[in-house]
C-alpha atoms as a PDB file:
ATOM      1  CA  MET A   1      75.367 138.082 139.693  1.00  0.00           C
ATOM      2  CA  ILE A   2      77.717 135.377 140.200  1.00  0.00           C
ATOM      3  CA  THR A   3      78.720 134.219 143.941  1.00  0.00           C
ATOM      4  CA  PRO A   4      81.882 134.458 145.307  1.00  0.00           C
ATOM      5  CA  ASP A   5      81.605 130.052 145.626  1.00  0.00           C
ATOM      6  CA  GLN A   6      81.074 130.453 141.786  1.00  0.00           C
ATOM      7  CA  VAL A   7      84.165 132.616 141.102  1.00  0.00           C
ATOM      8  CA  ALA A   8      86.575 129.742 142.863  1.00  0.00           C
ATOM      9  CA  ALA A   9      84.830 126.898 141.202  1.00  0.00           C
ATOM     10  CA  MET A  10      85.765 128.511 138.078  1.00  0.00           C
ATOM     11  CA  ILE A  11      89.196 129.030 138.822  1.00  0.00           C
ATOM     12  CA  LYS A  12      89.692 125.768 140.101  1.00  0.00           C
ATOM     13  CA  ALA A  13      87.606 123.761 137.441  1.00  0.00           C
ATOM     14  CA  GLN A  14      90.899 125.285 135.315  1.00  0.00           C
ATOM     15  CA  MET A  15      93.328 125.194 138.033  1.00  0.00           C
ATOM     16  CA  PRO A  16      92.909 122.182 140.090  1.00  0.00           C
ATOM     17  CA  ASP A  17      95.882 122.792 142.746  1.00  0.00           C
ATOM     18  CA  ALA A  18      94.482 126.434 142.897  1.00  0.00           C
ATOM     19  CA  GLN A  19      94.570 127.979 146.367  1.00  0.00           C
ATOM     20  CA  VAL A  20      91.667 131.030 145.624  1.00  0.00           C
ATOM     21  CA  GLN A  21      90.174 133.616 147.942  1.00  0.00           C
ATOM     22  CA  VAL A  22      87.251 135.871 146.579  1.00  0.00           C
ATOM     23  CA  GLN A  23      86.196 138.581 148.384  1.00  0.00           C
ATOM     24  CA  ASP A  24      82.893 140.644 147.144  1.00  0.00           C
ATOM     25  CA  LEU A  25      84.236 144.017 147.304  1.00  0.00           C
ATOM     26  CA  THR A  26      80.707 146.016 147.071  1.00  0.00           C
ATOM     27  CA  GLY A  27      78.405 143.071 148.267  1.00  0.00           C
ATOM     28  CA  THR A  28      76.291 143.033 144.581  1.00  0.00           C
ATOM     29  CA  ASN A  29      78.296 140.031 143.631  1.00  0.00           C
ATOM     30  CA  ASP A  30      79.652 141.557 140.376  1.00  0.00           C
ATOM     31  CA  HIS A  31      82.950 143.645 142.020  1.00  0.00           C
ATOM     32  CA  TYR A  32      85.403 140.857 143.081  1.00  0.00           C
ATOM     33  CA  GLN A  33      88.945 140.631 144.381  1.00  0.00           C
ATOM     34  CA  VAL A  34      90.463 137.205 144.135  1.00  0.00           C
ATOM     35  CA  THR A  35      93.733 136.217 145.248  1.00  0.00           C
ATOM     36  CA  VAL A  36      95.011 132.848 143.583  1.00  0.00           C
ATOM     37  CA  VAL A  37      98.214 130.539 144.319  1.00  0.00           C
ATOM     38  CA  SER A  38      98.844 127.945 141.871  1.00  0.00           C
ATOM     39  CA  SER A  39     102.187 125.881 140.941  1.00  0.00           C
ATOM     40  CA  LEU A  40     100.658 126.776 137.174  1.00  0.00           C
ATOM     41  CA  PHE A  41     102.035 129.710 136.738  1.00  0.00           C
ATOM     42  CA  GLU A  42     105.583 128.914 137.779  1.00  0.00           C
ATOM     43  CA  GLY A  43     107.575 130.390 134.677  1.00  0.00           C
ATOM     44  CA  LYS A  44     104.937 132.752 133.853  1.00  0.00           C
ATOM     45  CA  ASN A  45     105.270 136.480 133.668  1.00  0.00           C
ATOM     46  CA  ARG A  46     102.096 138.112 136.024  1.00  0.00           C
ATOM     47  CA  VAL A  47     100.464 139.172 132.823  1.00  0.00           C
ATOM     48  CA  GLN A  48     100.212 135.789 131.594  1.00  0.00           C
ATOM     49  CA  GLN A  49      98.970 134.568 135.116  1.00  0.00           C
ATOM     50  CA  HIS A  50      96.332 137.181 135.043  1.00  0.00           C
ATOM     51  CA  GLN A  51      95.438 135.669 131.379  1.00  0.00           C
ATOM     52  CA  MET A  52      94.972 132.292 132.437  1.00  0.00           C
ATOM     53  CA  VAL A  53      92.291 133.434 135.110  1.00  0.00           C
ATOM     54  CA  TYR A  54      90.560 135.621 132.898  1.00  0.00           C
ATOM     55  CA  GLY A  55      90.388 132.603 131.282  1.00  0.00           C
ATOM     56  CA  ALA A  56      89.215 130.901 133.157  1.00  0.00           C
ATOM     57  CA  LEU A  57      86.426 133.396 134.022  1.00  0.00           C
ATOM     58  CA  GLY A  58      85.579 133.830 130.595  1.00  0.00           C
ATOM     59  CA  GLU A  59      82.072 133.429 130.276  1.00  0.00           C
ATOM     60  CA  ALA A  60      81.349 135.719 133.309  1.00  0.00           C
ATOM     61  CA  MET A  61      83.533 138.301 131.714  1.00  0.00           C
ATOM     62  CA  ALA A  62      81.784 138.391 128.626  1.00  0.00           C
ATOM     63  CA  THR A  63      78.239 138.571 129.868  1.00  0.00           C
ATOM     64  CA  GLU A  64      79.640 141.336 132.958  1.00  0.00           C
ATOM     65  CA  ALA A  65      78.397 138.781 135.306  1.00  0.00           C
ATOM     66  CA  ILE A  66      81.877 140.335 136.813  1.00  0.00           C
ATOM     67  CA  HIS A  67      82.272 143.482 136.286  1.00  0.00           C
ATOM     68  CA  ALA A  68      85.214 144.821 137.876  1.00  0.00           C
ATOM     69  CA  LEU A  69      88.096 142.284 138.898  1.00  0.00           C
ATOM     70  CA  ALA A  70      91.158 143.036 141.223  1.00  0.00           C
ATOM     71  CA  LEU A  71      93.623 139.925 140.954  1.00  0.00           C
ATOM     72  CA  ASN A  72      96.225 138.723 142.875  1.00  0.00           C
ATOM     73  CA  THR A  73      98.145 135.933 141.072  1.00  0.00           C
ATOM     74  CA  SER A  74     101.215 134.199 142.615  1.00  0.00           C
ATOM     75  CA  THR A  75     103.117 130.714 142.644  1.00  0.00           C
ATOM     76  CA  PRO A  76     102.998 128.489 146.283  1.00  0.00           C
ATOM     77  CA  GLN A  77     106.966 129.224 146.714  1.00  0.00           C
ATOM     78  CA  GLY A  78     105.732 132.796 146.429  1.00  0.00           C
END
C-alpha cells in the first residue's frame, strides 16, 4: 500500500512545481484519483501529460502498490 502523501511526494519529486491533489477512492490506499497541475505539461497533449505522471509513479504502478489511477492533468493556465 502507498499513502496519498507518498503518491503526491513521488509526483512532486519529478515535477517540483506541481500542485497535486490525491484522493483515496476506496479507503484501501490502492485506488486513487489524482489531479496534477504543472507548467511542465505546457505544449504536451493529454496522453503525454498522463505518461509523465505514470513515469513519476512507475515503481508504485509496476508493483501494483497502486492498483487503479484516475488522472486529471492541466497546466496552470488550464
